């Protein structure tokens, strides 16, 4: 191997909430040339990291993006944010934890609002846990102990490609042959590719998750239901499933946006938590959200560490206040309340509803991202950033809450800094400006 060739072992993949930590990455002449062990999406992220890059800061002039120096772009960003009366800081799910810290400082100094992407995905999970507590465990426990795995409203084969192979279809310390020693159930409104590899697929009617979970809990507590079916499932089948759930040694309920974003929202999670709590009377049970972006769980945790609240935090009165539905990004934009947006490692223009996008188009946006996206096209200022876990190091939280260290493998394009350094500089200039 020549000096221009390097091999990195046990690399953490910065794509989804699995944060797979067993990748082998080969670098040649400063470019990534091979990704062993990674899924198809992971390989694409590593091998195509230099495609569609934002390599130079830009400012919008007369409706066109013009390349400028970093200092000029930073100056314009400071002007926008310090002039705003109700600035919104949003994103944080695809960057590392140190960048989060600087974002919270900016929101506090400006007296603005800071929100992360969980408000449009697993925000209901956070609210449900706040209501009923948390039955938590690790992915290692699942791999080594779980003999029944339930996926509810989740399609891991599509969204988390190695979840099944690493933790469910893998041999565990107390699970010899996972094909015979571990059962997989999938609850969903349609037969997904994940349902195709499950032992049992339970089709439910859209919007009936809360009723089904409530019925299962009632059956578990010994109540007799005077109806024939709930949500498209017969009470007889539900009773049989509950009995099997009581008899397992270790059960895990993985749930996704099919549960958090269907009718009932956080009440669905509240019901699921209480069901799992009741199941622990008979067997060992845990539950875990299938987090999407690689550090959206970290954004909730760092926000809680720094502000006391997991998302939707307002600093307008000089101290943090928490109110989902009022200080969440979509709601603030839909009401026309935010007058400037600092977007960090997210793409709200590609995902927010039309009413929020209409207001986004009417306010100045400062966008930090390594690549071009829908939000970068709308932004007043684009500040290109290094890719966490590829071009800079840092820490992120796996979907089970375990902190993982992201390695720097290659250098970013010349002049491009990590999010944390850009935000630190931005905060210093804002603090100097506002006194």
Protein backbone atom coordinates (compact mmCIF):
# COMPACT_ATOMS: atom_id res chain seq x y z
CA UNK A 1 0.00 0.00 0.00
CA UNK A 2 1.41 3.41 -0.99
CA UNK A 3 1.44 6.59 1.09
CA UNK A 4 -1.52 7.87 -0.93
CA UNK A 5 -3.61 4.85 0.09
CA UNK A 6 -5.27 4.46 3.47
CA UNK A 7 -7.68 1.95 4.98
CA UNK A 8 -10.01 2.96 7.83
CA UNK A 9 -11.53 0.19 9.95
CA UNK A 10 -14.68 0.31 12.09
CA UNK A 11 -15.96 3.48 10.45
CA UNK A 12 -19.39 4.77 11.54
CA UNK A 13 -21.82 5.42 8.68
CA UNK A 14 -23.48 8.87 8.86
CA UNK A 15 -26.67 7.99 7.04
CA UNK A 16 -29.49 6.60 9.19
CA UNK A 17 -30.17 6.11 12.88
CA UNK A 18 -28.49 2.69 12.84
CA UNK A 19 -25.06 4.40 12.68
CA UNK A 20 -23.48 1.12 11.57
CA UNK A 21 -19.96 1.08 13.03
CA UNK A 22 -18.31 -1.75 11.12
CA UNK A 23 -17.50 -0.14 7.77
CA UNK A 24 -14.14 -0.57 6.08
CA UNK A 25 -13.30 2.47 3.96
CA UNK A 26 -10.46 2.69 1.45
CA UNK A 27 -9.06 6.09 0.46
CA UNK A 28 -6.74 6.68 -2.47
CA UNK A 29 -5.26 10.05 -3.46
CA UNK A 30 -7.64 11.83 -1.11
CA UNK A 31 -10.77 10.17 -2.52
CA UNK A 32 -12.91 7.39 -1.12
CA UNK A 33 -12.73 4.46 -3.53
CA UNK A 34 -14.30 1.59 -1.60
CA UNK A 35 -16.89 1.02 1.12
CA UNK A 36 -17.04 -2.52 2.48
CA UNK A 37 -19.97 -3.68 4.64
CA UNK A 38 -22.09 -0.59 3.97
CA UNK A 39 -25.59 -0.85 2.52
CA UNK A 40 -26.37 0.52 -0.95
CA UNK A 41 -27.29 3.92 0.49
CA UNK A 42 -24.14 4.03 2.59
CA UNK A 43 -21.97 3.18 -0.42
CA UNK A 44 -23.64 5.95 -2.41
CA UNK A 45 -23.07 8.48 0.36
CA UNK A 46 -19.38 7.68 0.75
CA UNK A 47 -18.48 7.09 -2.90
CA UNK A 48 -20.53 10.04 -4.21
CA UNK A 49 -19.75 12.46 -1.41
CA UNK A 50 -18.21 14.98 -3.84
CA UNK A 51 -21.18 15.13 -6.21
CA UNK A 52 -23.57 18.10 -6.22
CA UNK A 53 -21.36 19.91 -3.73
CA UNK A 54 -21.76 23.46 -2.55
CA UNK A 55 -18.09 24.36 -2.71
CA UNK A 56 -18.25 28.17 -2.57
CA UNK A 57 -20.38 30.54 -0.45
CA UNK A 58 -23.10 32.33 -2.40
CA UNK A 59 -25.36 35.34 -1.92
CA UNK A 60 -28.52 35.96 -3.88
CA UNK A 61 -28.42 39.18 -5.91
CA UNK A 62 -31.20 40.18 -8.31
CA UNK A 63 -32.64 36.67 -8.01
CA UNK A 64 -29.36 34.96 -8.92
CA UNK A 65 -26.82 33.18 -6.71
CA UNK A 66 -23.45 34.88 -6.90
CA UNK A 67 -20.25 33.29 -5.57
CA UNK A 68 -18.63 35.39 -2.84
CA UNK A 69 -15.95 35.04 -0.18
CA UNK A 70 -16.66 33.34 3.12
CA UNK A 71 -16.32 36.68 4.96
CA UNK A 72 -18.82 38.41 2.68
CA UNK A 73 -21.35 35.60 3.03
CA UNK A 74 -20.86 35.59 6.79
CA UNK A 75 -21.35 39.37 6.93
CA UNK A 76 -24.64 39.07 5.05
CA UNK A 77 -25.81 36.23 7.32
CA UNK A 78 -25.09 38.34 10.40
CA UNK A 79 -27.01 41.28 8.91
CA UNK A 80 -30.04 39.11 8.25
CA UNK A 81 -30.12 37.44 11.64
CA UNK A 82 -29.45 40.54 13.75
CA UNK A 83 -32.12 42.50 11.86
CA UNK A 84 -34.74 39.76 12.39
CA UNK A 85 -37.30 40.15 15.17
CA UNK A 86 -38.33 36.47 15.17
CA UNK A 87 -35.46 34.34 13.78
CA UNK A 88 -35.85 30.57 13.51
CA UNK A 89 -32.95 28.12 13.76
CA UNK A 90 -33.87 24.73 12.30
CA UNK A 91 -32.39 21.37 11.27
CA UNK A 92 -29.45 19.75 13.10
CA UNK A 93 -30.34 16.13 12.30
CA UNK A 94 -27.51 15.50 9.82
CA UNK A 95 -24.62 17.08 11.63
CA UNK A 96 -22.62 16.27 14.75
CA UNK A 97 -23.29 17.27 18.35
CA UNK A 98 -20.76 20.10 18.66
CA UNK A 99 -22.54 21.97 15.88
CA UNK A 100 -25.76 21.71 17.91
CA UNK A 101 -24.18 23.54 20.82
CA UNK A 102 -23.28 26.52 18.63
CA UNK A 103 -26.79 26.59 17.14
CA UNK A 104 -28.35 26.84 20.60
CA UNK A 105 -25.99 29.71 21.45
CA UNK A 106 -27.10 31.58 18.34
CA UNK A 107 -30.80 31.11 19.17
CA UNK A 108 -30.25 32.28 22.74
CA UNK A 109 -28.19 35.33 21.74
CA UNK A 110 -30.77 36.36 19.14
CA UNK A 111 -33.75 35.63 21.37
CA UNK A 112 -35.06 33.35 18.65
CA UNK A 113 -36.48 29.86 18.32
CA UNK A 114 -34.52 26.64 17.78
CA UNK A 115 -36.20 23.49 16.49
CA UNK A 116 -34.94 20.23 15.00
CA UNK A 117 -36.33 17.84 12.42
CA UNK A 118 -37.91 15.56 15.01
CA UNK A 119 -40.83 18.01 15.11
CA UNK A 120 -41.93 16.62 11.73
CA UNK A 121 -41.07 12.95 12.34
CA UNK A 122 -40.63 11.55 15.86
CA UNK A 123 -41.83 14.58 17.79
CA UNK A 124 -44.93 12.57 18.81
CA UNK A 125 -42.55 9.93 20.19
CA UNK A 126 -40.98 12.50 22.49
CA UNK A 127 -44.41 13.74 23.61
CA UNK A 128 -45.64 10.20 24.25
CA UNK A 129 -42.55 9.39 26.32
CA UNK A 130 -43.01 12.61 28.31
CA UNK A 131 -46.56 11.51 29.03
CA UNK A 132 -45.96 7.87 29.98
CA UNK A 133 -42.25 7.25 30.51
CA UNK A 134 -39.81 5.29 28.40
CA UNK A 135 -39.24 1.57 28.07
CA UNK A 136 -35.76 1.60 26.60
CA UNK A 137 -33.01 -0.84 25.71
CA UNK A 138 -30.06 -1.16 23.37
CA UNK A 139 -29.70 -2.66 19.91
CA UNK A 140 -27.11 -5.05 21.36
CA UNK A 141 -29.79 -6.44 23.68
CA UNK A 142 -32.06 -6.97 20.71
CA UNK A 143 -29.38 -8.87 18.82
CA UNK A 144 -28.40 -11.04 21.78
CA UNK A 145 -31.74 -11.66 23.52
CA UNK A 146 -34.87 -10.82 21.53
CA UNK A 147 -36.97 -13.80 20.49
CA UNK A 148 -39.86 -11.64 19.20
CA UNK A 149 -39.29 -8.50 17.13
CA UNK A 150 -42.22 -6.30 16.10
CA UNK A 151 -41.99 -3.56 13.48
CA UNK A 152 -45.01 -1.25 13.68
CA UNK A 153 -45.48 1.35 10.95
CA UNK A 154 -41.88 0.90 9.88
CA UNK A 155 -40.17 -0.44 6.76
CA UNK A 156 -36.54 -1.08 7.79
CA UNK A 157 -35.57 -2.86 4.58
CA UNK A 158 -36.15 0.43 2.77
CA UNK A 159 -35.26 3.10 5.36
CA UNK A 160 -32.67 1.26 7.50
CA UNK A 161 -31.28 -1.39 5.12
CA UNK A 162 -28.94 -3.16 7.58
CA UNK A 163 -31.21 -3.07 10.62
CA UNK A 164 -32.57 -6.56 10.04
CA UNK A 165 -29.25 -8.11 9.04
CA UNK A 166 -27.25 -6.60 11.93
CA UNK A 167 -29.69 -6.92 14.81
CA UNK A 168 -32.56 -9.23 13.91
CA UNK A 169 -31.33 -11.82 11.41
CA UNK A 170 -27.94 -12.01 13.12
CA UNK A 171 -26.86 -14.70 15.56
CA UNK A 172 -26.97 -13.48 19.17
CA UNK A 173 -25.37 -14.66 22.39
CA UNK A 174 -28.62 -16.24 23.56
CA UNK A 175 -30.16 -16.72 20.10
CA UNK A 176 -28.49 -19.56 18.23
CA UNK A 177 -30.22 -19.71 14.87
CA UNK A 178 -32.12 -16.42 14.36
CA UNK A 179 -34.34 -18.01 11.71
CA UNK A 180 -35.79 -20.46 14.20
CA UNK A 181 -35.06 -18.75 17.52
CA UNK A 182 -36.50 -15.34 16.67
CA UNK A 183 -39.87 -14.35 15.21
CA UNK A 184 -40.58 -11.14 13.28
CA UNK A 185 -44.00 -9.51 13.09
CA UNK A 186 -44.85 -6.50 10.95
CA UNK A 187 -47.90 -4.30 11.61
CA UNK A 188 -48.64 -1.98 8.70
CA UNK A 189 -51.40 -0.70 6.45
CA UNK A 190 -49.83 -2.33 3.37
CA UNK A 191 -47.49 -5.19 2.65
CA UNK A 192 -44.04 -3.63 2.47
CA UNK A 193 -40.79 -5.31 1.45
CA UNK A 194 -40.07 -5.74 5.17
CA UNK A 195 -43.39 -7.51 5.61
CA UNK A 196 -42.30 -9.88 2.89
CA UNK A 197 -39.44 -11.25 5.03
CA UNK A 198 -41.42 -11.33 8.29
CA UNK A 199 -42.87 -14.43 9.92
CA UNK A 200 -46.22 -12.70 10.28
CA UNK A 201 -47.71 -9.67 8.55
CA UNK A 202 -50.67 -8.04 10.27
CA UNK A 203 -52.48 -5.62 8.00
CA UNK A 204 -54.28 -2.85 9.86
CA UNK A 205 -56.73 -0.25 8.64
CA UNK A 206 -55.26 3.28 8.30
CA UNK A 207 -55.70 5.44 11.38
CA UNK A 208 -56.69 2.61 13.74
CA UNK A 209 -53.37 2.16 15.56
CA UNK A 210 -54.64 3.72 18.79
CA UNK A 211 -57.72 1.50 18.90
CA UNK A 212 -55.68 -1.65 18.24
CA UNK A 213 -53.08 -0.83 20.88
CA UNK A 214 -55.82 -0.02 23.38
CA UNK A 215 -57.60 -3.28 22.62
CA UNK A 216 -54.39 -5.29 23.03
CA UNK A 217 -53.82 -3.66 26.40
CA UNK A 218 -57.39 -4.42 27.48
CA UNK A 219 -57.00 -8.07 26.45
CA UNK A 220 -53.69 -8.24 28.29
CA UNK A 221 -55.44 -7.02 31.44
CA UNK A 222 -58.09 -9.70 31.16
CA UNK A 223 -61.00 -7.72 29.74
CA UNK A 224 -63.44 -9.42 27.38
CA UNK A 225 -64.15 -7.32 24.28
CA UNK A 226 -67.73 -7.52 23.05
CA UNK A 227 -66.84 -6.91 19.40
CA UNK A 228 -65.59 -9.10 16.56
CA UNK A 229 -62.79 -6.99 15.08
CA UNK A 230 -60.78 -3.80 15.53
CA UNK A 231 -58.89 -2.03 12.77
CA UNK A 232 -59.37 -4.95 10.40
CA UNK A 233 -58.03 -7.53 12.88
CA UNK A 234 -60.32 -10.01 14.59
CA UNK A 235 -60.40 -9.92 18.38
CA UNK A 236 -59.60 -13.64 18.32
CA UNK A 237 -56.36 -12.95 16.41
CA UNK A 238 -55.48 -10.07 18.74
CA UNK A 239 -56.02 -12.34 21.74
CA UNK A 240 -53.75 -15.01 20.27
CA UNK A 241 -51.05 -12.41 19.56
CA UNK A 242 -51.22 -11.01 23.08
CA UNK A 243 -50.85 -14.50 24.53
CA UNK A 244 -47.72 -15.08 22.43
CA UNK A 245 -46.35 -11.69 23.51
CA UNK A 246 -46.76 -12.70 27.15
CA UNK A 247 -44.78 -15.90 26.63
CA UNK A 248 -41.60 -14.50 25.04
CA UNK A 249 -38.29 -14.19 26.86
CA UNK A 250 -37.42 -10.80 25.39
CA UNK A 251 -39.62 -8.73 23.11
CA UNK A 252 -38.91 -5.49 21.27
CA UNK A 253 -41.34 -3.11 19.56
CA UNK A 254 -39.69 -1.01 16.84
CA UNK A 255 -41.97 1.73 15.52
CA UNK A 256 -41.72 4.27 12.74
CA UNK A 257 -43.55 7.20 11.19
CA UNK A 258 -46.46 4.93 10.33
CA UNK A 259 -47.29 5.10 14.04
CA UNK A 260 -46.11 8.62 14.94
CA UNK A 261 -47.74 10.37 11.99
CA UNK A 262 -51.03 8.47 11.73
CA UNK A 263 -54.25 9.53 13.41
CA UNK A 264 -53.62 9.75 17.15
CA UNK A 265 -50.01 10.95 16.87
CA UNK A 266 -48.47 11.11 20.36
CA UNK A 267 -51.44 9.26 21.84
CA UNK A 268 -50.40 6.27 19.72
CA UNK A 269 -46.99 6.35 21.38
CA UNK A 270 -48.55 6.81 24.79
CA UNK A 271 -50.68 3.70 24.19
CA UNK A 272 -47.69 1.71 22.91
CA UNK A 273 -45.59 2.67 25.93
CA UNK A 274 -48.33 1.62 28.33
CA UNK A 275 -48.80 -1.66 26.49
CA UNK A 276 -45.09 -2.41 26.78
CA UNK A 277 -45.13 -1.44 30.45
CA UNK A 278 -47.99 -3.88 31.06
CA UNK A 279 -46.23 -6.62 29.08
CA UNK A 280 -43.28 -6.35 31.46
CA UNK A 281 -45.50 -7.94 34.10
CA UNK A 282 -45.18 -11.17 32.13
CA UNK A 283 -41.93 -10.90 30.14
CA UNK A 284 -39.07 -8.56 29.33
CA UNK A 285 -40.18 -5.97 26.76
CA UNK A 286 -38.70 -2.80 25.33
CA UNK A 287 -39.56 -0.39 22.52
CA UNK A 288 -37.48 1.82 20.27
CA UNK A 289 -38.22 4.46 17.60
CA UNK A 290 -36.72 3.86 14.17
CA UNK A 291 -34.95 7.22 13.85
CA UNK A 292 -34.28 8.41 10.32
CA UNK A 293 -31.41 10.89 9.95
CA UNK A 294 -28.19 9.75 11.57
CA UNK A 295 -28.23 12.29 14.42
CA UNK A 296 -31.84 13.30 14.88
CA UNK A 297 -31.80 11.41 18.19
CA UNK A 298 -28.70 13.40 19.09
CA UNK A 299 -30.50 16.67 18.31
CA UNK A 300 -33.19 15.77 20.85
CA UNK A 301 -30.60 14.87 23.46
CA UNK A 302 -28.29 17.86 22.99
CA UNK A 303 -31.30 20.19 23.02
CA UNK A 304 -32.43 18.65 26.29
CA UNK A 305 -28.92 18.92 27.77
CA UNK A 306 -28.57 22.59 26.78
CA UNK A 307 -32.10 23.97 27.07
CA UNK A 308 -34.04 21.48 29.18
CA UNK A 309 -36.33 20.64 26.26
CA UNK A 310 -35.97 18.27 23.27
CA UNK A 311 -37.22 20.55 20.45
CA UNK A 312 -39.38 23.64 19.81
CA UNK A 313 -37.51 25.95 22.19
CA UNK A 314 -38.13 29.70 22.31
CA UNK A 315 -35.65 32.21 23.78
CA UNK A 316 -37.71 35.37 23.18
CA UNK A 317 -37.92 36.11 26.91
CA UNK A 318 -34.26 35.41 27.54
CA UNK A 319 -34.83 31.92 28.91
CA UNK A 320 -35.94 28.68 27.19
CA UNK A 321 -39.65 27.96 26.81
CA UNK A 322 -41.12 24.82 25.26
CA UNK A 323 -44.34 24.55 23.30
CA UNK A 324 -44.80 22.05 20.43
CA UNK A 325 -47.37 23.37 17.99
CA UNK A 326 -46.32 26.95 18.70
CA UNK A 327 -42.54 26.99 18.51
CA UNK A 328 -42.18 24.15 16.01
CA UNK A 329 -40.77 25.19 12.63
CA UNK A 330 -43.73 24.23 10.42
CA UNK A 331 -46.20 26.04 12.66
CA UNK A 332 -44.09 29.20 12.92
CA UNK A 333 -43.66 29.34 9.14
CA UNK A 334 -47.29 28.48 8.38
CA UNK A 335 -48.42 31.32 10.66
CA UNK A 336 -45.99 33.72 8.97
CA UNK A 337 -44.28 34.36 12.29
CA UNK A 338 -40.59 33.71 11.52
CA UNK A 339 -38.89 36.54 9.63
CA UNK A 340 -35.53 34.80 9.04
CA UNK A 341 -34.46 31.15 8.88
CA UNK A 342 -31.06 29.69 9.72
CA UNK A 343 -31.22 26.18 8.26
CA UNK A 344 -28.55 23.69 9.35
CA UNK A 345 -28.10 20.23 7.82
CA UNK A 346 -31.70 19.77 6.72
CA UNK A 347 -33.86 20.37 3.64
CA UNK A 348 -37.17 21.86 4.78
CA UNK A 349 -38.01 23.10 1.27
CA UNK A 350 -38.26 19.48 0.12
CA UNK A 351 -40.47 18.32 2.98
CA UNK A 352 -42.52 21.14 4.51
CA UNK A 353 -46.18 21.72 3.57
CA UNK A 354 -47.11 24.33 0.97
CA UNK A 355 -48.27 26.97 3.45
CA UNK A 356 -44.94 26.87 5.28
CA UNK A 357 -43.03 26.93 1.98
CA UNK A 358 -44.97 29.97 0.82
CA UNK A 359 -43.71 31.92 3.81
CA UNK A 360 -40.20 30.50 3.46
CA UNK A 361 -40.07 32.00 -0.01
CA UNK A 362 -40.88 35.41 1.46
CA UNK A 363 -38.14 35.52 4.13
CA UNK A 364 -34.32 35.42 3.96
CA UNK A 365 -32.78 31.99 4.49
CA UNK A 366 -29.22 31.22 5.56
CA UNK A 367 -28.45 27.64 4.56
CA UNK A 368 -25.60 25.44 5.85
CA UNK A 369 -25.24 22.21 3.91
CA UNK A 370 -22.53 20.26 2.07
CA UNK A 371 -24.70 19.73 -1.02
CA UNK A 372 -27.17 21.52 -3.24
CA UNK A 373 -30.77 20.86 -2.32
CA UNK A 374 -34.19 22.47 -2.61
CA UNK A 375 -33.47 24.80 0.32
CA UNK A 376 -30.16 25.95 -1.15
CA UNK A 377 -32.06 27.10 -4.26
CA UNK A 378 -34.28 29.33 -2.08
CA UNK A 379 -31.55 30.57 0.26
CA UNK A 380 -30.38 34.15 0.44
CA UNK A 381 -27.02 32.93 1.73
CA UNK A 382 -25.42 29.51 1.21
CA UNK A 383 -22.51 28.51 3.44
CA UNK A 384 -21.04 25.16 2.28
CA UNK A 385 -20.08 22.80 5.10
CA UNK A 386 -17.93 19.70 5.52
CA UNK A 387 -19.69 16.34 5.69
CA UNK A 388 -19.76 15.00 9.24
CA UNK A 389 -18.37 11.47 9.45
CA UNK A 390 -16.50 11.84 6.16
CA UNK A 391 -14.74 15.22 6.11
CA UNK A 392 -14.84 16.05 9.81
CA UNK A 393 -15.15 14.13 13.06
CA UNK A 394 -17.68 14.48 15.85
CA UNK A 395 -20.23 12.57 17.89
CA UNK A 396 -23.76 11.37 17.12
CA UNK A 397 -26.44 9.38 18.96
CA UNK A 398 -27.65 6.06 17.60
CA UNK A 399 -31.39 5.33 17.62
CA UNK A 400 -30.99 3.56 20.98
CA UNK A 401 -29.22 6.60 22.48
CA UNK A 402 -25.68 5.21 22.36
CA UNK A 403 -23.13 7.92 21.45
CA UNK A 404 -20.95 7.04 18.46
CA UNK A 405 -17.73 8.70 17.31
CA UNK A 406 -17.61 9.84 13.69
CA UNK A 407 -14.20 9.71 12.01
CA UNK A 408 -12.64 12.16 9.59
CA UNK A 409 -11.54 10.21 6.51
CA UNK A 410 -10.61 12.85 3.95
CA UNK A 411 -10.21 16.62 3.77
CA UNK A 412 -13.16 18.76 2.68
CA UNK A 413 -12.89 21.01 -0.39
CA UNK A 414 -10.53 23.92 0.08
CA UNK A 415 -12.00 26.64 2.28
CA UNK A 416 -14.95 24.52 3.44
CA UNK A 417 -15.34 24.24 7.23
CA UNK A 418 -17.34 21.94 9.51
CA UNK A 419 -20.77 23.16 10.65
CA UNK A 420 -19.47 23.70 14.19
CA UNK A 421 -16.75 26.11 13.02
CA UNK A 422 -19.08 28.05 10.74
CA UNK A 423 -21.68 28.36 13.51
CA UNK A 424 -19.06 29.31 16.11
CA UNK A 425 -17.80 32.12 13.89
CA UNK A 426 -21.38 33.19 13.15
CA UNK A 427 -22.24 33.28 16.85
CA UNK A 428 -19.14 35.31 17.71
CA UNK A 429 -20.01 37.92 15.09
CA UNK A 430 -23.67 38.03 16.16
CA UNK A 431 -22.72 38.40 19.83
CA UNK A 432 -20.34 41.26 18.92
CA UNK A 433 -23.04 42.94 16.83
CA UNK A 434 -25.85 42.77 19.42
CA UNK A 435 -23.49 43.68 22.28
